[in-house]
Amino acid sequence: MVRTSVILPEDKRDHLEKLAKENGFSVALVIRCAIDEFIENTKNNKKLKIKSVKE
């Protein structure tokens, strides 16, 4: 594995922390699982349908 940093809005970070705590997992594991699911769901798509987010 490699370490990767992301910048999240505070409300999304809070939601991830709550979800992880309620299920007995680390935030890192929740994020890795979400990424795995995203990759699996987009394997056959050549174009991503992602709306732009201002930073």
PDB file of N, CA and C in Angstrom:
ATOM      1  N   MET A   1       0.840  -1.185   0.000  1.00  0.00           N
ATOM      2  CA  MET A   1       0.000   0.000   0.000  1.00  0.00           C
ATOM      3  C   MET A   1       0.877   1.238   0.000  1.00  0.00           C
ATOM      4  N   VAL A   2       0.327   2.307  -0.523  1.00  0.00           N
ATOM      5  CA  VAL A   2       1.012   3.595  -0.501  1.00  0.00           C
ATOM      6  C   VAL A   2       0.145   4.595   0.257  1.00  0.00           C
ATOM      7  N   ARG A   3       0.811   5.545   0.887  1.00  0.00           N
ATOM      8  CA  ARG A   3       0.095   6.578   1.633  1.00  0.00           C
ATOM      9  C   ARG A   3      -0.330   7.675   0.662  1.00  0.00           C
ATOM     10  N   THR A   4      -1.588   8.093   0.763  1.00  0.00           N
ATOM     11  CA  THR A   4      -2.140   9.150  -0.076  1.00  0.00           C
ATOM     12  C   THR A   4      -2.922  10.111   0.801  1.00  0.00           C
ATOM     13  N   SER A   5      -2.755  11.392   0.545  1.00  0.00           N
ATOM     14  CA  SER A   5      -3.487  12.412   1.305  1.00  0.00           C
ATOM     15  C   SER A   5      -4.556  13.039   0.428  1.00  0.00           C
ATOM     16  N   VAL A   6      -5.695  13.326   1.023  1.00  0.00           N
ATOM     17  CA  VAL A   6      -6.770  14.037   0.332  1.00  0.00           C
ATOM     18  C   VAL A   6      -7.278  15.145   1.242  1.00  0.00           C
ATOM     19  N   ILE A   7      -7.819  16.171   0.635  1.00  0.00           N
ATOM     20  CA  ILE A   7      -8.429  17.259   1.393  1.00  0.00           C
ATOM     21  C   ILE A   7      -9.938  17.111   1.245  1.00  0.00           C
ATOM     22  N   LEU A   8     -10.638  17.028   2.373  1.00  0.00           N
ATOM     23  CA  LEU A   8     -12.088  16.847   2.382  1.00  0.00           C
ATOM     24  C   LEU A   8     -12.762  18.019   3.069  1.00  0.00           C
ATOM     25  N   PRO A   9     -13.985  18.332   2.647  1.00  0.00           N
ATOM     26  CA  PRO A   9     -14.759  19.296   3.419  1.00  0.00           C
ATOM     27  C   PRO A   9     -14.996  18.726   4.821  1.00  0.00           C
ATOM     28  N   GLU A  10     -15.066  19.595   5.795  1.00  0.00           N
ATOM     29  CA  GLU A  10     -15.192  19.158   7.183  1.00  0.00           C
ATOM     30  C   GLU A  10     -16.419  18.277   7.409  1.00  0.00           C
ATOM     31  N   ASP A  11     -17.539  18.603   6.763  1.00  0.00           N
ATOM     32  CA  ASP A  11     -18.753  17.815   6.967  1.00  0.00           C
ATOM     33  C   ASP A  11     -18.599  16.386   6.452  1.00  0.00           C
ATOM     34  N   LYS A  12     -17.864  16.222   5.360  1.00  0.00           N
ATOM     35  CA  LYS A  12     -17.640  14.867   4.831  1.00  0.00           C
ATOM     36  C   LYS A  12     -16.699  14.079   5.741  1.00  0.00           C
ATOM     37  N   ARG A  13     -15.672  14.733   6.255  1.00  0.00           N
ATOM     38  CA  ARG A  13     -14.762  14.082   7.200  1.00  0.00           C
ATOM     39  C   ARG A  13     -15.532  13.661   8.456  1.00  0.00           C
ATOM     40  N   ASP A  14     -16.386  14.548   8.964  1.00  0.00           N
ATOM     41  CA  ASP A  14     -17.194  14.228  10.144  1.00  0.00           C
ATOM     42  C   ASP A  14     -18.088  13.022   9.891  1.00  0.00           C
ATOM     43  N   HIS A  15     -18.696  12.981   8.703  1.00  0.00           N
ATOM     44  CA  HIS A  15     -19.574  11.860   8.361  1.00  0.00           C
ATOM     45  C   HIS A  15     -18.784  10.549   8.311  1.00  0.00           C
ATOM     46  N   LEU A  16     -17.602  10.588   7.708  1.00  0.00           N
ATOM     47  CA  LEU A  16     -16.761   9.391   7.650  1.00  0.00           C
ATOM     48  C   LEU A  16     -16.358   8.923   9.041  1.00  0.00           C
ATOM     49  N   GLU A  17     -15.998   9.860   9.910  1.00  0.00           N
ATOM     50  CA  GLU A  17     -15.614   9.504  11.280  1.00  0.00           C
ATOM     51  C   GLU A  17     -16.778   8.856  12.022  1.00  0.00           C
ATOM     52  N   LYS A  18     -17.977   9.424  11.873  1.00  0.00           N
ATOM     53  CA  LYS A  18     -19.162   8.870  12.539  1.00  0.00           C
ATOM     54  C   LYS A  18     -19.467   7.471  12.012  1.00  0.00           C
ATOM     55  N   LEU A  19     -19.446   7.318  10.699  1.00  0.00           N
ATOM     56  CA  LEU A  19     -19.716   6.024  10.076  1.00  0.00           C
ATOM     57  C   LEU A  19     -18.710   4.970  10.525  1.00  0.00           C
ATOM     58  N   ALA A  20     -17.447   5.336  10.543  1.00  0.00           N
ATOM     59  CA  ALA A  20     -16.399   4.410  10.967  1.00  0.00           C
ATOM     60  C   ALA A  20     -16.582   4.009  12.424  1.00  0.00           C
ATOM     61  N   LYS A  21     -16.821   4.989  13.285  1.00  0.00           N
ATOM     62  CA  LYS A  21     -16.976   4.711  14.715  1.00  0.00           C
ATOM     63  C   LYS A  21     -18.181   3.820  14.980  1.00  0.00           C
ATOM     64  N   GLU A  22     -19.303   4.109  14.325  1.00  0.00           N
ATOM     65  CA  GLU A  22     -20.527   3.322  14.520  1.00  0.00           C
ATOM     66  C   GLU A  22     -20.352   1.871  14.094  1.00  0.00           C
ATOM     67  N   ASN A  23     -19.445   1.625  13.163  1.00  0.00           N
ATOM     68  CA  ASN A  23     -19.248   0.268  12.649  1.00  0.00           C
ATOM     69  C   ASN A  23     -17.976  -0.399  13.144  1.00  0.00           C
ATOM     70  N   GLY A  24     -17.221   0.307  13.989  1.00  0.00           N
ATOM     71  CA  GLY A  24     -16.023  -0.283  14.576  1.00  0.00           C
ATOM     72  C   GLY A  24     -14.839  -0.384  13.632  1.00  0.00           C
ATOM     73  N   PHE A  25     -14.769   0.526  12.656  1.00  0.00           N
ATOM     74  CA  PHE A  25     -13.670   0.521  11.700  1.00  0.00           C
ATOM     75  C   PHE A  25     -12.906   1.829  11.768  1.00  0.00           C
ATOM     76  N   SER A  26     -11.739   1.851  11.152  1.00  0.00           N
ATOM     77  CA  SER A  26     -10.991   3.102  11.026  1.00  0.00           C
ATOM     78  C   SER A  26     -11.540   3.889   9.838  1.00  0.00           C
ATOM     79  N   VAL A  27     -11.325   5.195   9.865  1.00  0.00           N
ATOM     80  CA  VAL A  27     -11.719   6.035   8.729  1.00  0.00           C
ATOM     81  C   VAL A  27     -10.971   5.574   7.479  1.00  0.00           C
ATOM     82  N   ALA A  28      -9.711   5.231   7.629  1.00  0.00           N
ATOM     83  CA  ALA A  28      -8.910   4.779   6.484  1.00  0.00           C
ATOM     84  C   ALA A  28      -9.533   3.550   5.821  1.00  0.00           C
ATOM     85  N   LEU A  29     -10.012   2.606   6.621  1.00  0.00           N
ATOM     86  CA  LEU A  29     -10.626   1.404   6.056  1.00  0.00           C
ATOM     87  C   LEU A  29     -11.922   1.748   5.330  1.00  0.00           C
ATOM     88  N   VAL A  30     -12.720   2.628   5.900  1.00  0.00           N
ATOM     89  CA  VAL A  30     -13.966   3.041   5.250  1.00  0.00           C
ATOM     90  C   VAL A  30     -13.660   3.685   3.899  1.00  0.00           C
ATOM     91  N   ILE A  31     -12.652   4.538   3.860  1.00  0.00           N
ATOM     92  CA  ILE A  31     -12.273   5.197   2.605  1.00  0.00           C
ATOM     93  C   ILE A  31     -11.762   4.175   1.596  1.00  0.00           C
ATOM     94  N   ARG A  32     -10.915   3.241   2.029  1.00  0.00           N
ATOM     95  CA  ARG A  32     -10.409   2.210   1.105  1.00  0.00           C
ATOM     96  C   ARG A  32     -11.550   1.368   0.541  1.00  0.00           C
ATOM     97  N   CYS A  33     -12.508   1.002   1.382  1.00  0.00           N
ATOM     98  CA  CYS A  33     -13.656   0.212   0.916  1.00  0.00           C
ATOM     99  C   CYS A  33     -14.503   1.002  -0.077  1.00  0.00           C
ATOM    100  N   ALA A  34     -14.693   2.291   0.194  1.00  0.00           N
ATOM    101  CA  ALA A  34     -15.455   3.142  -0.728  1.00  0.00           C
ATOM    102  C   ALA A  34     -14.744   3.245  -2.074  1.00  0.00           C
ATOM    103  N   ILE A  35     -13.432   3.372  -2.042  1.00  0.00           N
ATOM    104  CA  ILE A  35     -12.654   3.438  -3.286  1.00  0.00           C
ATOM    105  C   ILE A  35     -12.752   2.117  -4.044  1.00  0.00           C
ATOM    106  N   ASP A  36     -12.638   0.997  -3.336  1.00  0.00           N
ATOM    107  CA  ASP A  36     -12.771  -0.317  -3.979  1.00  0.00           C
ATOM    108  C   ASP A  36     -14.128  -0.442  -4.669  1.00  0.00           C
ATOM    109  N   GLU A  37     -15.189  -0.023  -3.975  1.00  0.00           N
ATOM    110  CA  GLU A  37     -16.538  -0.105  -4.537  1.00  0.00           C
ATOM    111  C   GLU A  37     -16.673   0.813  -5.758  1.00  0.00           C
ATOM    112  N   PHE A  38     -16.121   2.013  -5.673  1.00  0.00           N
ATOM    113  CA  PHE A  38     -16.167   2.951  -6.795  1.00  0.00           C
ATOM    114  C   PHE A  38     -15.456   2.364  -8.011  1.00  0.00           C
ATOM    115  N   ILE A  39     -14.282   1.812  -7.801  1.00  0.00           N
ATOM    116  CA  ILE A  39     -13.522   1.222  -8.909  1.00  0.00           C
ATOM    117  C   ILE A  39     -14.289   0.058  -9.524  1.00  0.00           C
ATOM    118  N   GLU A  40     -14.851  -0.795  -8.702  1.00  0.00           N
ATOM    119  CA  GLU A  40     -15.621  -1.937  -9.199  1.00  0.00           C
ATOM    120  C   GLU A  40     -16.824  -1.467 -10.027  1.00  0.00           C
ATOM    121  N   ASN A  41     -17.494  -0.417  -9.559  1.00  0.00           N
ATOM    122  CA  ASN A  41     -18.685   0.093 -10.244  1.00  0.00           C
ATOM    123  C   ASN A  41     -18.369   0.878 -11.512  1.00  0.00           C
ATOM    124  N   THR A  42     -17.121   1.251 -11.711  1.00  0.00           N
ATOM    125  CA  THR A  42     -16.771   2.057 -12.886  1.00  0.00           C
ATOM    126  C   THR A  42     -15.803   1.344 -13.827  1.00  0.00           C
ATOM    127  N   LYS A  43     -15.599   0.065 -13.630  1.00  0.00           N
ATOM    128  CA  LYS A  43     -14.643  -0.677 -14.463  1.00  0.00           C
ATOM    129  C   LYS A  43     -14.956  -0.601 -15.952  1.00  0.00           C
ATOM    130  N   ASN A  44     -16.212  -0.633 -16.324  1.00  0.00           N
ATOM    131  CA  ASN A  44     -16.584  -0.657 -17.739  1.00  0.00           C
ATOM    132  C   ASN A  44     -16.892   0.721 -18.301  1.00  0.00           C
ATOM    133  N   ASN A  45     -16.783   1.751 -17.484  1.00  0.00           N
ATOM    134  CA  ASN A  45     -17.058   3.111 -17.946  1.00  0.00           C
ATOM    135  C   ASN A  45     -15.769   3.779 -18.390  1.00  0.00           C
ATOM    136  N   LYS A  46     -15.811   4.406 -19.545  1.00  0.00           N
ATOM    137  CA  LYS A  46     -14.627   5.128 -20.019  1.00  0.00           C
ATOM    138  C   LYS A  46     -14.657   6.577 -19.565  1.00  0.00           C
ATOM    139  N   LYS A  47     -15.853   7.088 -19.292  1.00  0.00           N
ATOM    140  CA  LYS A  47     -15.988   8.468 -18.840  1.00  0.00           C
ATOM    141  C   LYS A  47     -16.611   8.474 -17.453  1.00  0.00           C
ATOM    142  N   LEU A  48     -16.039   9.273 -16.583  1.00  0.00           N
ATOM    143  CA  LEU A  48     -16.592   9.409 -15.242  1.00  0.00           C
ATOM    144  C   LEU A  48     -17.651  10.491 -15.229  1.00  0.00           C
ATOM    145  N   LYS A  49     -18.710  10.250 -14.485  1.00  0.00           N
ATOM    146  CA  LYS A  49     -19.763  11.251 -14.324  1.00  0.00           C
ATOM    147  C   LYS A  49     -19.575  11.896 -12.959  1.00  0.00           C
ATOM    148  N   ILE A  50     -18.693  12.870 -12.917  1.00  0.00           N
ATOM    149  CA  ILE A  50     -18.374  13.550 -11.660  1.00  0.00           C
ATOM    150  C   ILE A  50     -18.639  15.031 -11.848  1.00  0.00           C
ATOM    151  N   LYS A  51     -19.417  15.590 -10.924  1.00  0.00           N
ATOM    152  CA  LYS A  51     -19.662  17.024 -11.026  1.00  0.00           C
ATOM    153  C   LYS A  51     -18.490  17.780 -10.422  1.00  0.00           C
ATOM    154  N   SER A  52     -18.211  18.909 -10.968  1.00  0.00           N
ATOM    155  CA  SER A  52     -17.093  19.737 -10.522  1.00  0.00           C
ATOM    156  C   SER A  52     -17.351  20.273  -9.120  1.00  0.00           C
ATOM    157  N   VAL A  53     -16.297  20.295  -8.321  1.00  0.00           N
ATOM    158  CA  VAL A  53     -16.384  20.820  -6.961  1.00  0.00           C
ATOM    159  C   VAL A  53     -15.348  21.922  -6.826  1.00  0.00           C
ATOM    160  N   LYS A  54     -15.790  23.088  -6.383  1.00  0.00           N
ATOM    161  CA  LYS A  54     -14.848  24.190  -6.183  1.00  0.00           C
ATOM    162  C   LYS A  54     -14.046  23.947  -4.927  1.00  0.00           C
ATOM    163  N   GLU A  55     -12.754  24.238  -4.991  1.00  0.00           N
ATOM    164  CA  GLU A  55     -11.894  24.079  -3.817  1.00  0.00           C
ATOM    165  C   GLU A  55     -11.728  25.395  -3.116  1.00  0.00           C
TER     166      GLU A  55
END
